[in-house]
Protein backbone atom coordinates (compact mmCIF):
# COMPACT_ATOMS: atom_id res chain seq x y z
CA MET A 1 -14.11 5.97 -9.13
CA SER A 2 -16.87 8.30 -7.92
CA GLU A 3 -18.62 10.87 -10.12
CA PRO A 4 -15.90 12.89 -11.89
CA ILE A 5 -15.30 16.46 -10.79
CA LEU A 6 -12.58 16.98 -13.43
CA THR A 7 -12.50 15.57 -16.95
CA VAL A 8 -9.55 16.14 -19.28
CA GLN A 9 -9.80 15.15 -22.93
CA GLU A 10 -6.98 15.09 -25.48
CA LEU A 11 -4.94 17.92 -23.99
CA TYR A 12 -2.01 19.27 -26.01
CA LYS A 13 0.55 22.01 -25.36
CA ALA A 14 3.75 22.82 -27.28
CA TYR A 15 6.52 25.36 -26.78
CA GLY A 16 7.86 25.83 -30.27
CA GLU A 17 9.19 22.45 -31.37
CA ILE A 18 8.90 20.97 -27.87
CA GLN A 19 5.65 19.06 -27.28
CA ALA A 20 5.23 19.40 -23.50
CA VAL A 21 1.81 17.71 -23.27
CA ARG A 22 0.77 15.20 -25.93
CA GLY A 23 -2.88 14.22 -25.94
CA ILE A 24 -3.47 13.32 -22.29
CA SER A 25 -6.92 12.32 -21.06
CA PHE A 26 -8.06 11.40 -17.54
CA GLN A 27 -10.76 11.97 -14.93
CA ILE A 28 -10.60 12.75 -11.23
CA GLY A 29 -13.46 11.54 -9.05
CA ARG A 30 -15.10 13.77 -6.48
CA GLY A 31 -13.42 13.27 -3.11
CA GLU A 32 -10.35 11.59 -4.61
CA ILE A 33 -6.65 12.26 -4.03
CA PHE A 34 -5.20 11.87 -7.51
CA GLY A 35 -1.43 11.67 -7.91
CA LEU A 36 0.39 12.99 -10.97
CA LEU A 37 3.90 11.52 -11.11
CA GLY A 38 6.70 11.93 -13.57
CA PRO A 39 10.40 12.75 -13.92
CA ASN A 40 11.53 16.31 -14.56
CA GLY A 41 10.36 17.42 -18.00
CA ALA A 42 7.49 14.92 -18.11
CA GLY A 43 4.88 17.67 -18.47
CA LYS A 44 3.39 17.71 -14.95
CA THR A 45 3.83 21.43 -14.25
CA THR A 46 2.55 22.38 -17.70
CA THR A 47 -0.49 20.17 -17.14
CA VAL A 48 -1.23 21.75 -13.75
CA SER A 49 -0.79 25.25 -15.23
CA ILE A 50 -3.32 24.45 -17.96
CA LEU A 51 -5.82 22.88 -15.58
CA THR A 52 -5.72 25.92 -13.28
CA GLY A 53 -6.09 28.44 -16.09
CA LEU A 54 -2.54 29.83 -15.98
CA LEU A 55 -1.81 28.51 -19.48
CA ALA A 56 -4.07 28.02 -22.47
CA PRO A 57 -3.89 24.59 -24.13
CA ASP A 58 -3.22 24.33 -27.85
CA ARG A 59 -6.21 22.03 -28.00
CA GLY A 60 -8.27 19.77 -25.80
CA GLN A 61 -11.22 20.02 -23.44
CA ILE A 62 -11.33 20.59 -19.66
CA THR A 63 -14.56 20.18 -17.72
CA VAL A 64 -14.91 20.94 -14.00
CA ASP A 65 -18.10 19.92 -12.22
CA GLY A 66 -19.83 19.58 -15.58
CA ILE A 67 -18.82 23.08 -16.73
CA SER A 68 -16.49 23.71 -19.68
CA PHE A 69 -13.40 25.65 -18.58
CA GLN A 70 -13.13 27.26 -21.99
CA LYS A 71 -16.71 28.56 -21.90
CA MET A 72 -16.91 29.72 -18.26
CA PRO A 73 -13.35 30.29 -16.99
CA LYS A 74 -14.30 32.74 -14.21
CA GLU A 75 -16.83 30.35 -12.68
CA ILE A 76 -14.36 27.46 -12.86
CA ARG A 77 -11.48 29.36 -11.24
CA ALA A 78 -13.69 30.07 -8.22
CA LYS A 79 -13.91 26.29 -7.67
CA LEU A 80 -10.14 25.74 -7.81
CA GLY A 81 -7.32 26.19 -5.33
CA LEU A 82 -3.65 26.18 -6.37
CA VAL A 83 -0.63 25.71 -4.13
CA PRO A 84 2.36 26.23 -6.45
CA GLN A 85 5.92 24.99 -5.97
CA ASP A 86 7.17 28.56 -5.52
CA LEU A 87 6.28 30.26 -2.26
CA ALA A 88 4.03 33.31 -2.63
CA LEU A 89 4.23 34.98 0.77
CA TYR A 90 5.23 38.35 2.24
CA PRO A 91 8.11 37.62 4.65
CA THR A 92 7.75 40.72 6.87
CA LEU A 93 4.04 40.11 7.48
CA SER A 94 2.76 37.64 10.04
CA ALA A 95 1.11 34.40 8.99
CA ARG A 96 -2.29 35.81 9.91
CA ASP A 97 -1.71 39.08 8.01
CA ASN A 98 -0.58 37.16 4.92
CA LEU A 99 -3.82 35.20 5.04
CA LEU A 100 -5.93 38.32 5.57
CA PHE A 101 -4.27 39.94 2.56
CA PHE A 102 -4.74 36.97 0.23
CA GLY A 103 -8.26 36.40 1.53
CA ARG A 104 -9.24 39.89 0.39
CA LEU A 105 -7.82 39.09 -3.06
CA TYR A 106 -10.21 36.11 -3.11
CA GLY A 107 -13.10 38.48 -2.33
CA LEU A 108 -13.49 37.55 1.35
CA HIS A 109 -14.24 40.30 3.87
CA GLY A 110 -15.22 40.95 7.49
CA LYS A 111 -16.27 38.14 9.78
CA ARG A 112 -16.21 35.53 7.02
CA LEU A 113 -12.58 36.35 6.21
CA ARG A 114 -11.49 36.27 9.85
CA GLU A 115 -13.23 32.92 10.38
CA ARG A 116 -11.59 31.35 7.32
CA VAL A 117 -8.15 32.57 8.39
CA GLU A 118 -8.48 30.87 11.77
CA VAL A 119 -9.83 27.67 10.21
CA VAL A 120 -6.97 27.28 7.71
CA LEU A 121 -4.35 28.12 10.34
CA GLU A 122 -5.71 25.25 12.40
CA ILE A 123 -5.74 22.89 9.42
CA VAL A 124 -2.03 23.47 8.69
CA GLN A 125 -1.14 23.45 12.41
CA LEU A 126 0.18 27.03 12.53
CA THR A 127 -2.22 28.62 15.01
CA PRO A 128 0.47 28.99 17.72
CA ARG A 129 2.68 30.94 15.28
CA ALA A 130 -0.07 32.97 13.60
CA GLY A 131 1.26 36.32 14.88
CA ASP A 132 4.90 35.71 13.94
CA ALA A 133 6.57 37.16 10.85
CA VAL A 134 6.90 34.65 8.03
CA GLN A 135 10.63 35.41 7.73
CA THR A 136 11.10 33.65 11.08
CA PHE A 137 9.48 30.43 9.79
CA SER A 138 11.27 27.28 8.68
CA GLY A 139 10.92 26.17 5.07
CA GLY A 140 8.35 23.58 6.09
CA MET A 141 6.24 26.13 7.96
CA LYS A 142 6.25 28.39 4.91
CA ARG A 143 5.07 25.46 2.78
CA ARG A 144 2.21 24.84 5.19
CA LEU A 145 1.24 28.51 5.13
CA ASN A 146 1.31 28.38 1.34
CA ILE A 147 -1.23 25.55 1.53
CA ALA A 148 -3.39 27.62 3.89
CA VAL A 149 -3.53 30.43 1.31
CA GLY A 150 -4.86 28.01 -1.30
CA LEU A 151 -7.63 26.88 1.08
CA LEU A 152 -9.01 30.29 2.09
CA HIS A 153 -11.84 30.44 -0.46
CA GLU A 154 -12.94 26.81 0.18
CA PRO A 155 -12.12 25.34 -3.24
CA GLU A 156 -13.79 22.17 -4.44
CA LEU A 157 -10.62 20.98 -6.18
CA LEU A 158 -7.16 21.71 -4.76
CA PHE A 159 -3.94 21.44 -6.79
CA LEU A 160 -0.88 20.70 -4.65
CA ASP A 161 2.26 21.01 -6.78
CA GLU A 162 5.24 19.43 -4.98
CA PRO A 163 4.08 20.63 -1.54
CA SER A 164 6.77 18.83 0.47
CA VAL A 165 9.90 19.73 -1.51
CA GLY A 166 12.76 20.74 0.78
CA VAL A 167 10.87 20.46 4.06
CA ASP A 168 11.92 18.82 7.31
CA PRO A 169 10.36 15.47 8.37
CA GLN A 170 8.13 17.11 10.99
CA SER A 171 6.63 19.54 8.47
CA ARG A 172 6.29 16.78 5.88
CA ASN A 173 4.22 14.74 8.33
CA ALA A 174 2.15 17.84 9.14
CA ILE A 175 1.48 18.33 5.41
CA PHE A 176 0.43 14.68 5.06
CA GLU A 177 -1.92 14.99 8.02
CA SER A 178 -3.42 18.21 6.62
CA VAL A 179 -4.01 16.58 3.23
CA GLU A 180 -5.68 13.58 4.86
CA VAL A 181 -7.90 15.80 7.05
CA LEU A 182 -8.95 17.87 4.04
CA ASN A 183 -9.73 14.78 2.00
CA ARG A 184 -11.79 13.21 4.78
CA ALA A 185 -13.80 16.44 4.81
CA GLY A 186 -14.60 15.87 1.12
CA LEU A 187 -11.98 17.97 -0.70
CA THR A 188 -10.73 16.62 -4.04
CA ILE A 189 -6.96 16.94 -4.48
CA LEU A 190 -4.58 16.65 -7.41
CA TYR A 191 -1.15 15.98 -5.90
CA THR A 192 2.17 16.09 -7.74
CA THR A 193 5.25 14.82 -5.96
CA HIS A 194 8.83 13.65 -6.42
CA TYR A 195 8.48 11.24 -3.51
CA MET A 196 7.07 7.83 -4.30
CA GLU A 197 6.26 7.01 -0.68
CA GLU A 198 3.98 10.07 -0.56
CA ALA A 199 2.00 8.90 -3.56
CA GLN A 200 1.72 5.39 -2.17
CA ARG A 201 0.51 6.70 1.20
CA LEU A 202 -1.86 9.47 0.09
CA CYS A 203 -3.21 8.84 -3.40
CA HIS A 204 -6.26 6.77 -4.31
CA ARG A 205 -5.09 6.64 -7.92
CA VAL A 206 -1.95 7.80 -9.71
CA ALA A 207 -1.15 8.74 -13.30
CA ILE A 208 2.45 8.30 -14.41
CA MET A 209 3.57 10.83 -17.02
CA ASP A 210 6.63 10.62 -19.25
CA ARG A 211 7.50 12.81 -22.25
CA GLY A 212 4.14 14.58 -22.19
CA GLN A 213 1.99 11.45 -22.13
CA ILE A 214 0.24 9.38 -19.47
CA ILE A 215 1.78 5.92 -19.70
CA ALA A 216 -0.05 4.27 -16.76
CA LEU A 217 -3.06 5.13 -14.58
CA ASP A 218 -4.58 3.08 -11.76
CA THR A 219 -4.56 2.62 -8.00
CA PRO A 220 -1.08 2.18 -6.50
CA ALA A 221 -1.98 -1.40 -5.51
CA ALA A 222 -3.13 -2.29 -9.03
CA LEU A 223 -0.04 -0.77 -10.64
CA ILE A 224 2.19 -2.68 -8.26
CA ARG A 225 0.36 -5.93 -9.08
CA GLU A 226 0.73 -5.34 -12.83
CA TRP A 227 4.17 -3.74 -13.10
CA GLY A 228 5.81 -3.91 -9.69
CA SER A 229 7.76 -7.14 -9.86
CA GLY A 230 11.02 -7.13 -7.95
CA LEU A 231 13.69 -5.30 -9.92
CA ILE A 232 17.44 -5.93 -9.86
CA ILE A 233 19.69 -3.34 -11.47
CA ALA A 234 23.26 -4.39 -12.17
CA GLY A 235 25.92 -2.07 -13.57
CA LEU A 236 28.57 -3.83 -15.66
CA PRO A 237 30.47 -3.58 -18.96
CA GLU A 238 28.43 -4.01 -22.15
CA GLU A 239 30.01 -7.32 -23.18
CA ALA A 240 29.35 -8.69 -19.68
CA ALA A 241 25.71 -7.62 -19.92
CA GLU A 242 25.31 -9.55 -23.15
CA ARG A 243 26.81 -12.72 -21.66
CA LEU A 244 24.67 -12.50 -18.49
CA THR A 245 21.52 -11.87 -20.51
CA ALA A 246 22.04 -15.04 -22.51
CA HIS A 247 22.65 -17.01 -19.32
CA LEU A 248 19.74 -15.62 -17.24
CA GLU A 249 16.90 -15.00 -19.69
CA HIS A 250 15.44 -18.50 -19.24
CA HIS A 251 15.88 -18.70 -15.47
CA PRO A 252 12.52 -19.41 -13.75
CA ALA A 253 12.94 -16.52 -11.28
CA VAL A 254 13.55 -13.99 -14.09
CA LYS A 255 10.48 -12.62 -15.89
CA ALA A 256 12.29 -10.25 -18.27
CA ILE A 257 15.69 -8.69 -18.89
CA ARG A 258 16.40 -5.28 -20.41
CA ARG A 259 19.70 -3.57 -21.15
CA ARG A 260 20.00 0.20 -21.04
CA ASP A 261 23.41 1.87 -21.37
CA ASP A 262 25.72 0.05 -18.94
CA ARG A 263 22.96 -1.38 -16.76
CA LEU A 264 21.12 -4.68 -16.78
CA TYR A 265 17.51 -4.62 -15.49
CA LEU A 266 16.16 -7.94 -14.27
CA GLU A 267 12.41 -8.07 -13.65
CA ALA A 268 12.02 -10.89 -11.13
CA SER A 269 9.09 -13.08 -10.13
CA HIS A 270 11.22 -14.18 -7.17
CA THR A 271 13.70 -11.46 -6.25
CA GLN A 272 15.96 -13.55 -4.02
CA GLY A 273 16.18 -16.38 -6.55
CA ALA A 274 17.00 -14.00 -9.41
CA LEU A 275 19.64 -12.22 -7.31
CA ILE A 276 21.33 -15.51 -6.38
CA ALA A 277 21.33 -16.58 -10.05
CA LEU A 278 22.83 -13.25 -11.14
CA LEU A 279 25.62 -13.31 -8.54
CA ASP A 280 26.38 -16.98 -9.20
CA ALA A 281 26.61 -16.44 -12.97
CA ALA A 282 28.75 -13.31 -12.63
CA ASN A 283 31.10 -15.14 -10.26
CA ARG A 284 31.47 -18.22 -12.45
CA MET A 285 32.06 -16.10 -15.57
CA ASN A 286 34.42 -13.78 -13.67
CA LEU A 287 32.35 -10.74 -14.71
CA PRO A 288 32.83 -7.56 -12.65
CA LEU A 289 29.74 -5.89 -11.17
CA LYS A 290 30.22 -2.10 -10.96
CA SER A 291 26.96 -1.58 -9.05
CA LEU A 292 24.02 -3.58 -7.76
CA GLU A 293 20.60 -2.45 -6.53
CA VAL A 294 17.55 -4.48 -5.51
CA LEU A 295 14.02 -3.06 -5.43
CA GLU A 296 11.13 -5.05 -4.02
CA ALA A 297 7.67 -4.68 -5.56
CA ASN A 298 6.53 -1.10 -4.86
CA LEU A 299 5.55 2.07 -6.71
CA GLU A 300 9.20 3.02 -7.17
CA ALA A 301 9.79 -0.24 -9.04
CA VAL A 302 6.70 0.42 -11.19
CA PHE A 303 7.97 3.86 -12.12
CA LEU A 304 11.46 2.65 -12.93
CA HIS A 305 10.07 -0.23 -14.98
CA LEU A 306 7.83 2.06 -17.07
CA THR A 307 10.15 5.04 -17.58
CA GLY A 308 13.63 3.69 -17.01
CA LYS A 309 14.22 6.62 -14.64
CA ARG A 310 14.07 7.48 -11.01
CA LEU A 311 11.19 9.80 -10.14
CA ARG A 312 13.71 12.44 -9.04
CA ASP A 313 15.94 12.07 -12.12
């Protein structure tokens, strides 16, 4: 990792009895795309809200570019850009007029403002539609314009919170391309997403959150090497799960077996061999399989292994 632009130390936040963030610590290197992944309720949005100054932590330290957020919040906010999940646009104004309006809120004026508006329109590939009212845009185009707003003041660290939710494939690819262009130009990005393929494509490192804590942090490749064995998920009655576990736990293709509710999770060193063994045993014992799913080694398998949940659960 390069020199850190963001350092988070022992961050906590509770809402009454609910501990949303429980002592998380991490760093983001300058020029890095850092993914923050987790199921709903994991604490991602609360974490982003704290890091961008929208929420105050109960305790913990945040440092941006060597400056304490708590001591110099105004200076820090000028270095940050936030693209929230919710769209913040005026539908009757054109894309260009929306950007001119928000640019003035950032303190930009005159020639500098006009130049920045044209630059960010080009980045998000909306220049041909700059004069059209936002209410005529598709959901994906609105998402891209939302990103453009967050870029107007040239932040050093950009927070993208679920930027591709509900967008069409063309706009999703345009968002990916914009993120990659921005990163190649040196922008540091914290990226939250519900789509594992996005994290695997875009992020240099990812942190997996669950129940307010970071439970794994590394490059996607390293996480896959450590946790991403092939995974077979079989749905079957509880008594059948017990019998299959006893039969398969010493099979050479099976690294580990876990039971959760009515599902059997087989972590496999050799996915095909473990699958054949499972089907053969179930057939010989006359055990009914209610469902069967096979995941090869990838970030989705890592996430499911660590949390027991789908990312979008």
